[in-house]
Amino acid sequence: MGGDPAIVLVAPRVPGNLGSTARAAKNFGVGDVRLVEPACEPDEEALRLASGADDLLGAMRRFPSLVDALADFDAVIATSSLRGRTERRWLTLGELPDYLAALGPAARVAYVFGRERSGLTEEERSRASATLTLPTSPSFPTMNLSHALVAVLAAYHVWCWRLVKAFAAARNTKSERWYRWFNEFPTLVLVATVLLVVFKPF
């Protein structure tokens, strides 16, 4: 629903996390997972943990830098267990659905997850439109990469569920045109991509 989201992993070191990410992404209908180099290669453990999402594991695209990986998105949401000095907006998990709703259905959003040991740097977080913090214990705030991914994607689907529920209860405040764009945007992107491939204007 809406602009297709993407997952961006910055320099993952544990192959198993690639497999877990592929499975979680497929559970929530996300087909675009990007890796920022240096990133590990999938191994037997990654294939085992992907468990049915082998196609997505093999389709992960690699980028030389975070800037390159984020070049085609309207909004970027970084994840962090600690607040830093950035002036960008900070979000809780409960605020994420409303934030996405404010962006609109056509906005394409990237969710950025940092390194297993150290997370994202201050400079990397500064490239985000907002930084998301998950409600974990202050004594042990750092989550496993794939677990954090599931929490964020679940919040994204809460937003989609709210739209469906409001519509079913006749409490819809969106216009017909809004829903038309919400429903057709992915198709328009696909058609535009095919035209670019066929006619190669650049």
N, C-alpha and C. Protein backbone atom coordinates (compact mmCIF):
# COMPACT_ATOMS: atom_id res chain seq x y z
N MET A 1 0.84 -1.19 0.00
CA MET A 1 0.00 0.00 0.00
C MET A 1 0.88 1.24 0.00
N GLY A 2 0.46 2.24 -0.74
CA GLY A 2 1.23 3.46 -0.77
C GLY A 2 2.53 3.29 -1.53
N GLY A 3 3.41 4.28 -1.39
CA GLY A 3 4.73 4.17 -1.98
C GLY A 3 5.47 3.01 -1.36
N ASP A 4 6.03 2.16 -2.19
CA ASP A 4 6.70 0.97 -1.67
C ASP A 4 7.87 1.36 -0.79
N PRO A 5 7.91 0.87 0.46
CA PRO A 5 9.03 1.18 1.36
C PRO A 5 10.24 0.33 1.02
N ALA A 6 11.38 0.71 1.56
CA ALA A 6 12.60 -0.06 1.37
C ALA A 6 13.36 -0.14 2.69
N ILE A 7 14.15 -1.18 2.82
CA ILE A 7 15.01 -1.39 3.98
C ILE A 7 16.46 -1.17 3.55
N VAL A 8 17.19 -0.37 4.31
CA VAL A 8 18.60 -0.13 4.02
C VAL A 8 19.42 -0.55 5.23
N LEU A 9 20.32 -1.49 5.04
CA LEU A 9 21.20 -1.97 6.11
C LEU A 9 22.60 -1.39 5.88
N VAL A 10 23.13 -0.72 6.87
CA VAL A 10 24.46 -0.11 6.74
C VAL A 10 25.52 -1.06 7.28
N ALA A 11 26.39 -1.52 6.40
CA ALA A 11 27.55 -2.35 6.74
C ALA A 11 27.24 -3.49 7.68
N PRO A 12 26.26 -4.35 7.35
CA PRO A 12 25.99 -5.50 8.21
C PRO A 12 27.17 -6.48 8.19
N ARG A 13 27.50 -7.03 9.35
CA ARG A 13 28.66 -7.93 9.47
C ARG A 13 28.26 -9.38 9.65
N VAL A 14 27.03 -9.64 10.09
CA VAL A 14 26.60 -11.00 10.42
C VAL A 14 25.71 -11.54 9.30
N PRO A 15 26.17 -12.56 8.57
CA PRO A 15 25.37 -13.09 7.47
C PRO A 15 23.98 -13.54 7.87
N GLY A 16 23.86 -14.07 9.09
CA GLY A 16 22.54 -14.51 9.54
C GLY A 16 21.52 -13.38 9.56
N ASN A 17 21.98 -12.17 9.83
CA ASN A 17 21.06 -11.03 9.84
C ASN A 17 20.51 -10.72 8.45
N LEU A 18 21.26 -11.05 7.42
CA LEU A 18 20.75 -10.87 6.06
C LEU A 18 19.56 -11.81 5.83
N GLY A 19 19.71 -13.05 6.28
CA GLY A 19 18.62 -14.02 6.13
C GLY A 19 17.40 -13.63 6.93
N SER A 20 17.60 -13.22 8.17
CA SER A 20 16.48 -12.81 9.02
C SER A 20 15.78 -11.57 8.46
N THR A 21 16.57 -10.65 7.93
CA THR A 21 16.00 -9.45 7.32
C THR A 21 15.17 -9.79 6.10
N ALA A 22 15.69 -10.69 5.26
CA ALA A 22 14.96 -11.10 4.06
C ALA A 22 13.61 -11.71 4.42
N ARG A 23 13.60 -12.56 5.45
CA ARG A 23 12.35 -13.20 5.84
C ARG A 23 11.36 -12.18 6.41
N ALA A 24 11.85 -11.29 7.30
CA ALA A 24 10.97 -10.28 7.90
C ALA A 24 10.42 -9.34 6.83
N ALA A 25 11.28 -8.93 5.90
CA ALA A 25 10.84 -8.03 4.84
C ALA A 25 9.74 -8.68 3.99
N LYS A 26 9.93 -9.95 3.68
CA LYS A 26 8.93 -10.65 2.86
C LYS A 26 7.63 -10.83 3.64
N ASN A 27 7.71 -11.08 4.95
CA ASN A 27 6.51 -11.18 5.79
C ASN A 27 5.63 -9.95 5.66
N PHE A 28 6.28 -8.76 5.52
CA PHE A 28 5.54 -7.51 5.48
C PHE A 28 5.43 -6.93 4.07
N GLY A 29 5.75 -7.73 3.07
CA GLY A 29 5.55 -7.30 1.69
C GLY A 29 6.56 -6.29 1.17
N VAL A 30 7.73 -6.22 1.79
CA VAL A 30 8.78 -5.30 1.33
C VAL A 30 9.72 -6.05 0.38
N GLY A 31 9.85 -5.56 -0.83
CA GLY A 31 10.67 -6.26 -1.81
C GLY A 31 11.99 -5.58 -2.13
N ASP A 32 12.26 -4.45 -1.49
CA ASP A 32 13.48 -3.69 -1.79
C ASP A 32 14.35 -3.61 -0.53
N VAL A 33 15.41 -4.41 -0.50
CA VAL A 33 16.36 -4.39 0.61
C VAL A 33 17.73 -4.02 0.05
N ARG A 34 18.35 -2.99 0.63
CA ARG A 34 19.62 -2.49 0.12
C ARG A 34 20.71 -2.61 1.18
N LEU A 35 21.91 -2.90 0.72
CA LEU A 35 23.06 -3.04 1.61
C LEU A 35 24.09 -1.97 1.28
N VAL A 36 24.59 -1.31 2.32
CA VAL A 36 25.64 -0.31 2.13
C VAL A 36 26.98 -0.97 2.47
N GLU A 37 27.91 -0.90 1.54
CA GLU A 37 29.22 -1.52 1.74
C GLU A 37 30.05 -0.79 2.81
N PRO A 38 30.94 -1.53 3.50
CA PRO A 38 31.21 -2.96 3.35
C PRO A 38 30.14 -3.81 4.04
N ALA A 39 29.58 -4.74 3.30
CA ALA A 39 28.55 -5.61 3.84
C ALA A 39 28.95 -7.06 3.63
N CYS A 40 28.56 -7.91 4.57
CA CYS A 40 28.92 -9.33 4.48
C CYS A 40 28.17 -10.01 3.34
N GLU A 41 28.61 -11.19 3.00
CA GLU A 41 27.96 -12.01 1.99
C GLU A 41 27.07 -13.04 2.68
N PRO A 42 25.94 -13.41 2.07
CA PRO A 42 25.10 -14.45 2.67
C PRO A 42 25.81 -15.79 2.68
N ASP A 43 25.56 -16.58 3.72
CA ASP A 43 26.16 -17.92 3.82
C ASP A 43 25.05 -18.92 4.10
N GLU A 44 25.45 -20.14 4.51
CA GLU A 44 24.47 -21.20 4.78
C GLU A 44 23.49 -20.79 5.88
N GLU A 45 24.01 -20.10 6.91
CA GLU A 45 23.15 -19.66 7.99
C GLU A 45 22.14 -18.62 7.50
N ALA A 46 22.57 -17.73 6.62
CA ALA A 46 21.66 -16.73 6.05
C ALA A 46 20.55 -17.41 5.25
N LEU A 47 20.91 -18.43 4.48
CA LEU A 47 19.91 -19.16 3.69
C LEU A 47 18.93 -19.88 4.60
N ARG A 48 19.43 -20.44 5.70
CA ARG A 48 18.55 -21.14 6.64
C ARG A 48 17.57 -20.18 7.28
N LEU A 49 18.05 -19.02 7.70
CA LEU A 49 17.19 -18.05 8.37
C LEU A 49 16.23 -17.35 7.40
N ALA A 50 16.61 -17.27 6.13
CA ALA A 50 15.71 -16.67 5.14
C ALA A 50 14.45 -17.52 5.00
N SER A 51 14.59 -18.83 5.03
CA SER A 51 13.48 -19.79 5.10
C SER A 51 12.27 -19.41 4.26
N GLY A 52 12.42 -19.47 2.94
CA GLY A 52 11.32 -19.14 2.04
C GLY A 52 11.47 -17.77 1.40
N ALA A 53 12.43 -17.00 1.88
CA ALA A 53 12.67 -15.68 1.31
C ALA A 53 14.02 -15.66 0.60
N ASP A 54 14.43 -16.81 0.08
CA ASP A 54 15.71 -16.90 -0.61
C ASP A 54 15.78 -15.95 -1.80
N ASP A 55 14.64 -15.76 -2.47
CA ASP A 55 14.63 -14.87 -3.63
C ASP A 55 14.98 -13.45 -3.23
N LEU A 56 14.43 -13.00 -2.11
CA LEU A 56 14.72 -11.64 -1.64
C LEU A 56 16.16 -11.52 -1.14
N LEU A 57 16.63 -12.58 -0.50
CA LEU A 57 18.02 -12.60 -0.04
C LEU A 57 18.98 -12.43 -1.22
N GLY A 58 18.68 -13.12 -2.31
CA GLY A 58 19.54 -13.03 -3.49
C GLY A 58 19.37 -11.74 -4.27
N ALA A 59 18.26 -11.03 -4.03
CA ALA A 59 17.98 -9.81 -4.79
C ALA A 59 18.44 -8.54 -4.07
N MET A 60 19.03 -8.67 -2.89
CA MET A 60 19.50 -7.49 -2.17
C MET A 60 20.54 -6.75 -3.00
N ARG A 61 20.35 -5.44 -3.13
CA ARG A 61 21.27 -4.63 -3.93
C ARG A 61 22.32 -3.96 -3.04
N ARG A 62 23.52 -3.84 -3.56
CA ARG A 62 24.64 -3.25 -2.81
C ARG A 62 24.99 -1.87 -3.35
N PHE A 63 25.31 -0.96 -2.42
CA PHE A 63 25.64 0.41 -2.78
C PHE A 63 26.95 0.82 -2.11
N PRO A 64 27.76 1.61 -2.79
CA PRO A 64 29.06 1.99 -2.23
C PRO A 64 28.96 2.94 -1.04
N SER A 65 27.83 3.66 -0.91
CA SER A 65 27.69 4.61 0.20
C SER A 65 26.22 4.75 0.57
N LEU A 66 25.97 5.30 1.75
CA LEU A 66 24.60 5.55 2.17
C LEU A 66 23.93 6.59 1.28
N VAL A 67 24.68 7.58 0.85
CA VAL A 67 24.13 8.60 -0.04
C VAL A 67 23.58 7.97 -1.31
N ASP A 68 24.32 7.04 -1.89
CA ASP A 68 23.87 6.37 -3.11
C ASP A 68 22.63 5.52 -2.84
N ALA A 69 22.61 4.86 -1.71
CA ALA A 69 21.48 3.97 -1.38
C ALA A 69 20.19 4.74 -1.17
N LEU A 70 20.28 6.01 -0.76
CA LEU A 70 19.10 6.80 -0.42
C LEU A 70 18.70 7.79 -1.51
N ALA A 71 19.34 7.73 -2.65
CA ALA A 71 19.18 8.77 -3.67
C ALA A 71 17.76 8.89 -4.21
N ASP A 72 16.96 7.83 -4.20
CA ASP A 72 15.65 7.87 -4.86
C ASP A 72 14.46 7.83 -3.88
N PHE A 73 14.65 8.37 -2.66
CA PHE A 73 13.57 8.34 -1.69
C PHE A 73 13.09 9.74 -1.33
N ASP A 74 11.82 9.84 -0.98
CA ASP A 74 11.24 11.11 -0.57
C ASP A 74 11.50 11.39 0.91
N ALA A 75 11.58 10.35 1.70
CA ALA A 75 11.81 10.50 3.14
C ALA A 75 12.67 9.34 3.63
N VAL A 76 13.48 9.62 4.63
CA VAL A 76 14.39 8.62 5.20
C VAL A 76 14.18 8.58 6.70
N ILE A 77 13.93 7.39 7.22
CA ILE A 77 13.75 7.22 8.67
C ILE A 77 14.89 6.36 9.18
N ALA A 78 15.74 6.96 9.99
CA ALA A 78 16.85 6.23 10.59
C ALA A 78 16.37 5.61 11.90
N THR A 79 17.05 4.59 12.35
CA THR A 79 16.72 3.96 13.63
C THR A 79 17.91 4.09 14.57
N SER A 80 17.62 4.32 15.84
CA SER A 80 18.69 4.47 16.83
C SER A 80 18.14 4.18 18.21
N SER A 81 18.98 3.61 19.07
CA SER A 81 18.59 3.35 20.46
C SER A 81 18.96 4.52 21.36
N LEU A 82 19.74 5.45 20.82
CA LEU A 82 20.23 6.57 21.64
C LEU A 82 19.95 7.89 20.94
N ARG A 83 19.56 8.89 21.69
CA ARG A 83 19.38 10.22 21.14
C ARG A 83 20.74 10.89 20.96
N GLY A 84 20.88 11.60 19.86
CA GLY A 84 22.16 12.26 19.60
C GLY A 84 22.00 13.77 19.53
N ARG A 85 22.90 14.40 18.83
CA ARG A 85 22.91 15.86 18.76
C ARG A 85 22.23 16.38 17.49
N THR A 86 21.70 15.50 16.66
CA THR A 86 21.09 15.95 15.42
C THR A 86 19.83 16.75 15.70
N GLU A 87 19.53 17.70 14.81
CA GLU A 87 18.36 18.54 14.97
C GLU A 87 17.15 17.98 14.22
N ARG A 88 17.33 16.83 13.61
CA ARG A 88 16.22 16.23 12.90
C ARG A 88 15.14 15.76 13.88
N ARG A 89 13.96 15.50 13.36
CA ARG A 89 12.84 15.08 14.22
C ARG A 89 13.09 13.69 14.79
N TRP A 90 12.71 13.52 16.05
CA TRP A 90 12.79 12.22 16.70
C TRP A 90 11.39 11.67 16.85
N LEU A 91 11.21 10.39 16.53
CA LEU A 91 9.91 9.74 16.59
C LEU A 91 9.93 8.55 17.54
N THR A 92 8.81 8.32 18.21
CA THR A 92 8.62 7.06 18.92
C THR A 92 7.90 6.12 17.96
N LEU A 93 7.86 4.85 18.29
CA LEU A 93 7.19 3.88 17.43
C LEU A 93 5.71 4.23 17.29
N GLY A 94 5.10 4.72 18.36
CA GLY A 94 3.68 5.07 18.31
C GLY A 94 3.40 6.27 17.42
N GLU A 95 4.39 7.12 17.20
CA GLU A 95 4.21 8.30 16.36
C GLU A 95 4.44 8.02 14.89
N LEU A 96 5.03 6.87 14.58
CA LEU A 96 5.39 6.57 13.20
C LEU A 96 4.19 6.53 12.25
N PRO A 97 3.07 5.86 12.59
CA PRO A 97 1.94 5.84 11.64
C PRO A 97 1.44 7.24 11.27
N ASP A 98 1.33 8.14 12.25
CA ASP A 98 0.87 9.50 11.94
C ASP A 98 1.88 10.25 11.09
N TYR A 99 3.15 10.00 11.33
CA TYR A 99 4.20 10.65 10.53
C TYR A 99 4.10 10.19 9.08
N LEU A 100 3.87 8.90 8.87
CA LEU A 100 3.74 8.37 7.52
C LEU A 100 2.49 8.93 6.85
N ALA A 101 1.40 9.05 7.63
CA ALA A 101 0.17 9.59 7.07
C ALA A 101 0.38 11.03 6.59
N ALA A 102 1.16 11.81 7.35
CA ALA A 102 1.43 13.20 6.97
C ALA A 102 2.26 13.29 5.69
N LEU A 103 3.09 12.29 5.44
CA LEU A 103 3.90 12.29 4.22
C LEU A 103 3.04 12.09 2.98
N GLY A 104 1.95 11.35 3.14
CA GLY A 104 1.08 11.10 2.00
C GLY A 104 1.34 9.74 1.38
N PRO A 105 0.38 9.22 0.64
CA PRO A 105 0.46 7.85 0.11
C PRO A 105 1.51 7.65 -0.98
N ALA A 106 1.89 8.71 -1.66
CA ALA A 106 2.83 8.56 -2.77
C ALA A 106 4.29 8.63 -2.33
N ALA A 107 4.53 9.02 -1.08
CA ALA A 107 5.91 9.18 -0.61
C ALA A 107 6.61 7.84 -0.49
N ARG A 108 7.79 7.77 -1.02
CA ARG A 108 8.59 6.55 -0.90
C ARG A 108 9.55 6.72 0.27
N VAL A 109 9.49 5.78 1.22
CA VAL A 109 10.22 5.91 2.48
C VAL A 109 11.25 4.80 2.61
N ALA A 110 12.46 5.18 3.03
CA ALA A 110 13.52 4.20 3.34
C ALA A 110 13.70 4.15 4.84
N TYR A 111 13.82 2.93 5.37
CA TYR A 111 14.09 2.72 6.79
C TYR A 111 15.54 2.24 6.91
N VAL A 112 16.34 3.01 7.62
CA VAL A 112 17.78 2.74 7.67
C VAL A 112 18.16 2.14 9.02
N PHE A 113 18.86 1.01 8.97
CA PHE A 113 19.32 0.32 10.17
C PHE A 113 20.84 0.27 10.17
N GLY A 114 21.43 0.53 11.33
CA GLY A 114 22.89 0.64 11.41
C GLY A 114 23.60 -0.66 11.70
N ARG A 115 24.87 -0.55 11.96
CA ARG A 115 25.73 -1.69 12.22
C ARG A 115 25.31 -2.42 13.50
N GLU A 116 25.55 -3.74 13.51
CA GLU A 116 25.14 -4.53 14.66
C GLU A 116 25.78 -4.04 15.96
N ARG A 117 27.02 -3.65 15.91
CA ARG A 117 27.72 -3.28 17.14
C ARG A 117 27.60 -1.81 17.52
N SER A 118 27.59 -0.94 16.53
CA SER A 118 27.66 0.49 16.84
C SER A 118 26.52 1.32 16.27
N GLY A 119 25.62 0.73 15.50
CA GLY A 119 24.51 1.47 14.95
C GLY A 119 24.94 2.47 13.89
N LEU A 120 24.18 3.54 13.76
CA LEU A 120 24.48 4.59 12.78
C LEU A 120 25.32 5.69 13.42
N THR A 121 26.17 6.29 12.64
CA THR A 121 26.96 7.42 13.14
C THR A 121 26.08 8.67 13.16
N GLU A 122 26.56 9.69 13.85
CA GLU A 122 25.84 10.96 13.91
C GLU A 122 25.67 11.53 12.50
N GLU A 123 26.71 11.41 11.69
CA GLU A 123 26.65 11.95 10.33
C GLU A 123 25.63 11.19 9.48
N GLU A 124 25.56 9.88 9.65
CA GLU A 124 24.59 9.07 8.91
C GLU A 124 23.16 9.40 9.33
N ARG A 125 22.95 9.61 10.62
CA ARG A 125 21.61 9.96 11.09
C ARG A 125 21.20 11.35 10.60
N SER A 126 22.17 12.21 10.38
CA SER A 126 21.86 13.57 9.94
C SER A 126 21.26 13.58 8.53
N ARG A 127 21.40 12.50 7.79
CA ARG A 127 20.85 12.41 6.44
C ARG A 127 19.39 11.98 6.44
N ALA A 128 18.86 11.67 7.61
CA ALA A 128 17.48 11.19 7.71
C ALA A 128 16.50 12.34 7.88
N SER A 129 15.27 12.12 7.44
CA SER A 129 14.20 13.08 7.66
C SER A 129 13.75 13.03 9.12
N ALA A 130 13.85 11.85 9.73
CA ALA A 130 13.49 11.65 11.13
C ALA A 130 14.25 10.45 11.65
N THR A 131 14.41 10.40 12.97
CA THR A 131 15.07 9.26 13.60
C THR A 131 14.08 8.59 14.53
N LEU A 132 13.96 7.28 14.39
CA LEU A 132 13.00 6.50 15.16
C LEU A 132 13.70 5.77 16.30
N THR A 133 13.13 5.89 17.49
CA THR A 133 13.63 5.14 18.63
C THR A 133 12.57 4.15 19.07
N LEU A 134 12.99 2.95 19.43
CA LEU A 134 12.06 1.91 19.84
C LEU A 134 11.98 1.85 21.37
N PRO A 135 10.81 1.54 21.92
CA PRO A 135 10.62 1.56 23.38
C PRO A 135 11.22 0.32 24.05
N THR A 136 12.52 0.37 24.28
CA THR A 136 13.23 -0.74 24.93
C THR A 136 13.65 -0.34 26.34
N SER A 137 14.15 -1.31 27.07
CA SER A 137 14.60 -1.06 28.44
C SER A 137 15.83 -0.16 28.42
N PRO A 138 15.85 0.90 29.25
CA PRO A 138 17.02 1.79 29.31
C PRO A 138 18.31 1.06 29.70
N SER A 139 18.17 -0.03 30.43
CA SER A 139 19.36 -0.77 30.86
C SER A 139 19.91 -1.66 29.75
N PHE A 140 19.11 -1.91 28.70
CA PHE A 140 19.58 -2.75 27.58
C PHE A 140 18.81 -2.33 26.33
N PRO A 141 19.12 -1.16 25.77
CA PRO A 141 18.30 -0.58 24.70
C PRO A 141 18.55 -1.11 23.30
N THR A 142 19.71 -1.72 23.06
CA THR A 142 20.07 -2.11 21.70
C THR A 142 19.40 -3.42 21.31
N MET A 143 18.66 -3.38 20.19
CA MET A 143 17.96 -4.58 19.71
C MET A 143 18.75 -5.27 18.60
N ASN A 144 18.46 -6.56 18.44
CA ASN A 144 18.96 -7.29 17.29
C ASN A 144 18.41 -6.64 16.02
N LEU A 145 19.20 -6.62 14.98
CA LEU A 145 18.83 -5.94 13.73
C LEU A 145 17.49 -6.42 13.20
N SER A 146 17.31 -7.74 13.08
CA SER A 146 16.08 -8.25 12.49
C SER A 146 14.88 -8.01 13.40
N HIS A 147 15.08 -8.01 14.73
CA HIS A 147 13.98 -7.74 15.65
C HIS A 147 13.51 -6.29 15.52
N ALA A 148 14.46 -5.37 15.41
CA ALA A 148 14.11 -3.96 15.22
C ALA A 148 13.36 -3.76 13.91
N LEU A 149 13.80 -4.50 12.89
CA LEU A 149 13.17 -4.42 11.57
C LEU A 149 11.70 -4.82 11.66
N VAL A 150 11.40 -5.90 12.36
CA VAL A 150 10.03 -6.37 12.49
C VAL A 150 9.17 -5.32 13.20
N ALA A 151 9.70 -4.71 14.26
CA ALA A 151 8.95 -3.70 15.00
C ALA A 151 8.60 -2.51 14.11
N VAL A 152 9.55 -2.06 13.31
CA VAL A 152 9.32 -0.91 12.44
C VAL A 152 8.30 -1.23 11.35
N LEU A 153 8.44 -2.40 10.73
CA LEU A 153 7.50 -2.78 9.67
C LEU A 153 6.10 -3.00 10.22
N ALA A 154 6.02 -3.48 11.46
CA ALA A 154 4.70 -3.64 12.08
C ALA A 154 4.03 -2.28 12.25
N ALA A 155 4.79 -1.27 12.64
CA ALA A 155 4.23 0.08 12.79
C ALA A 155 3.76 0.62 11.44
N TYR A 156 4.51 0.33 10.38
CA TYR A 156 4.11 0.74 9.04
C TYR A 156 2.76 0.13 8.67
N HIS A 157 2.57 -1.14 9.03
CA HIS A 157 1.31 -1.80 8.71
C HIS A 157 0.17 -1.33 9.60
N VAL A 158 0.49 -0.84 10.79
CA VAL A 158 -0.55 -0.23 11.63
C VAL A 158 -1.15 0.97 10.90
N TRP A 159 -0.30 1.77 10.27
CA TRP A 159 -0.78 2.91 9.50
C TRP A 159 -1.72 2.46 8.39
N CYS A 160 -1.33 1.42 7.66
CA CYS A 160 -2.19 0.91 6.59
C CYS A 160 -3.50 0.38 7.16
N TRP A 161 -3.42 -0.31 8.30
CA TRP A 161 -4.62 -0.87 8.93
C TRP A 161 -5.57 0.22 9.38
N ARG A 162 -5.03 1.33 9.89
CA ARG A 162 -5.87 2.45 10.33
C ARG A 162 -6.69 3.00 9.16
N LEU A 163 -6.08 3.09 8.01
CA LEU A 163 -6.80 3.58 6.83
C LEU A 163 -7.95 2.66 6.48
N VAL A 164 -7.68 1.36 6.49
CA VAL A 164 -8.72 0.37 6.15
C VAL A 164 -9.85 0.41 7.17
N LYS A 165 -9.51 0.49 8.47
CA LYS A 165 -10.51 0.50 9.53
C LYS A 165 -11.39 1.75 9.45
N ALA A 166 -10.77 2.90 9.22
CA ALA A 166 -11.54 4.14 9.12
C ALA A 166 -12.50 4.10 7.95
N PHE A 167 -12.07 3.50 6.87
CA PHE A 167 -12.93 3.38 5.69
C PHE A 167 -14.11 2.46 5.97
N ALA A 168 -13.85 1.33 6.63
CA ALA A 168 -14.90 0.36 6.93
C ALA A 168 -15.93 0.93 7.90
N ALA A 169 -15.50 1.82 8.80
CA ALA A 169 -16.41 2.40 9.80
C ALA A 169 -17.04 3.70 9.32
N ALA A 170 -16.92 3.99 8.05
CA ALA A 170 -17.48 5.20 7.46
C ALA A 170 -16.95 6.46 8.14
N ARG A 171 -15.68 6.38 8.60
CA ARG A 171 -15.04 7.55 9.21
C ARG A 171 -13.93 8.07 8.32
N ASN A 172 -14.02 7.73 7.08
CA ASN A 172 -12.98 8.15 6.14
C ASN A 172 -13.01 9.66 5.92
N THR A 173 -11.86 10.30 6.03
CA THR A 173 -11.75 11.74 5.78
C THR A 173 -10.95 12.04 4.52
N LYS A 174 -10.52 10.98 3.84
CA LYS A 174 -9.71 11.15 2.64
C LYS A 174 -10.62 11.24 1.42
N SER A 175 -10.16 11.96 0.42
CA SER A 175 -10.93 12.11 -0.81
C SER A 175 -10.76 10.89 -1.71
N GLU A 176 -11.64 10.79 -2.69
CA GLU A 176 -11.54 9.71 -3.67
C GLU A 176 -10.21 9.79 -4.42
N ARG A 177 -9.80 11.02 -4.73
CA ARG A 177 -8.54 11.21 -5.45
C ARG A 177 -7.36 10.71 -4.61
N TRP A 178 -7.40 10.97 -3.28
CA TRP A 178 -6.32 10.51 -2.38
C TRP A 178 -6.18 9.01 -2.47
N TYR A 179 -7.31 8.28 -2.39
CA TYR A 179 -7.25 6.82 -2.43
C TYR A 179 -6.86 6.31 -3.82
N ARG A 180 -7.24 7.05 -4.83
CA ARG A 180 -6.84 6.65 -6.17
C ARG A 180 -5.32 6.69 -6.32
N TRP A 181 -4.73 7.78 -5.82
CA TRP A 181 -3.27 7.87 -5.84
C TRP A 181 -2.65 6.79 -4.94
N PHE A 182 -3.22 6.56 -3.78
CA PHE A 182 -2.72 5.57 -2.83
C PHE A 182 -2.68 4.19 -3.47
N ASN A 183 -3.72 3.89 -4.26
CA ASN A 183 -3.83 2.56 -4.86
C ASN A 183 -3.00 2.42 -6.14
N GLU A 184 -2.92 3.50 -6.90
CA GLU A 184 -2.31 3.39 -8.23
C GLU A 184 -0.85 3.79 -8.30
N PHE A 185 -0.31 4.41 -7.25
CA PHE A 185 1.07 4.90 -7.32
C PHE A 185 2.08 3.80 -7.68
N PRO A 186 2.02 2.62 -7.01
CA PRO A 186 2.99 1.58 -7.38
C PRO A 186 2.92 1.20 -8.86
N THR A 187 1.69 1.15 -9.41
CA THR A 187 1.52 0.82 -10.83
C THR A 187 2.14 1.89 -11.72
N LEU A 188 1.94 3.16 -11.35
CA LEU A 188 2.52 4.25 -12.13
C LEU A 188 4.04 4.19 -12.14
N VAL A 189 4.61 3.85 -10.98
CA VAL A 189 6.07 3.71 -10.90
C VAL A 189 6.55 2.59 -11.81
N LEU A 190 5.82 1.46 -11.81
CA LEU A 190 6.19 0.33 -12.65
C LEU A 190 6.12 0.71 -14.13
N VAL A 191 5.04 1.38 -14.52
CA VAL A 191 4.89 1.78 -15.93
C VAL A 191 6.01 2.74 -16.33
N ALA A 192 6.31 3.71 -15.45
CA ALA A 192 7.38 4.67 -15.75
C ALA A 192 8.72 3.96 -15.90
N THR A 193 8.96 2.98 -15.04
CA THR A 193 10.22 2.23 -15.11
C THR A 193 10.34 1.47 -16.42
N VAL A 194 9.24 0.82 -16.85
CA VAL A 194 9.24 0.08 -18.10
C VAL A 194 9.50 1.02 -19.28
N LEU A 195 8.86 2.19 -19.27
CA LEU A 195 9.07 3.15 -20.35
C LEU A 195 10.51 3.63 -20.41
N LEU A 196 11.11 3.86 -19.24
CA LEU A 196 12.51 4.28 -19.22
C LEU A 196 13.42 3.19 -19.76
N VAL A 197 13.11 1.94 -19.42
CA VAL A 197 13.94 0.82 -19.91
C VAL A 197 13.81 0.68 -21.42
N VAL A 198 12.59 0.84 -21.93
CA VAL A 198 12.33 0.64 -23.38
C VAL A 198 12.91 1.79 -24.20
N PHE A 199 12.64 3.04 -23.79
CA PHE A 199 13.01 4.18 -24.62
C PHE A 199 14.38 4.78 -24.28
N LYS A 200 14.92 4.47 -23.09
CA LYS A 200 16.25 4.93 -22.69
C LYS A 200 16.47 6.42 -23.03
N PRO A 201 15.72 7.32 -22.41
CA PRO A 201 15.84 8.75 -22.76
C PRO A 201 17.12 9.39 -22.27
N PHE A 202 17.84 8.76 -21.33
CA PHE A 202 19.04 9.38 -20.76
C PHE A 202 20.30 8.72 -21.29
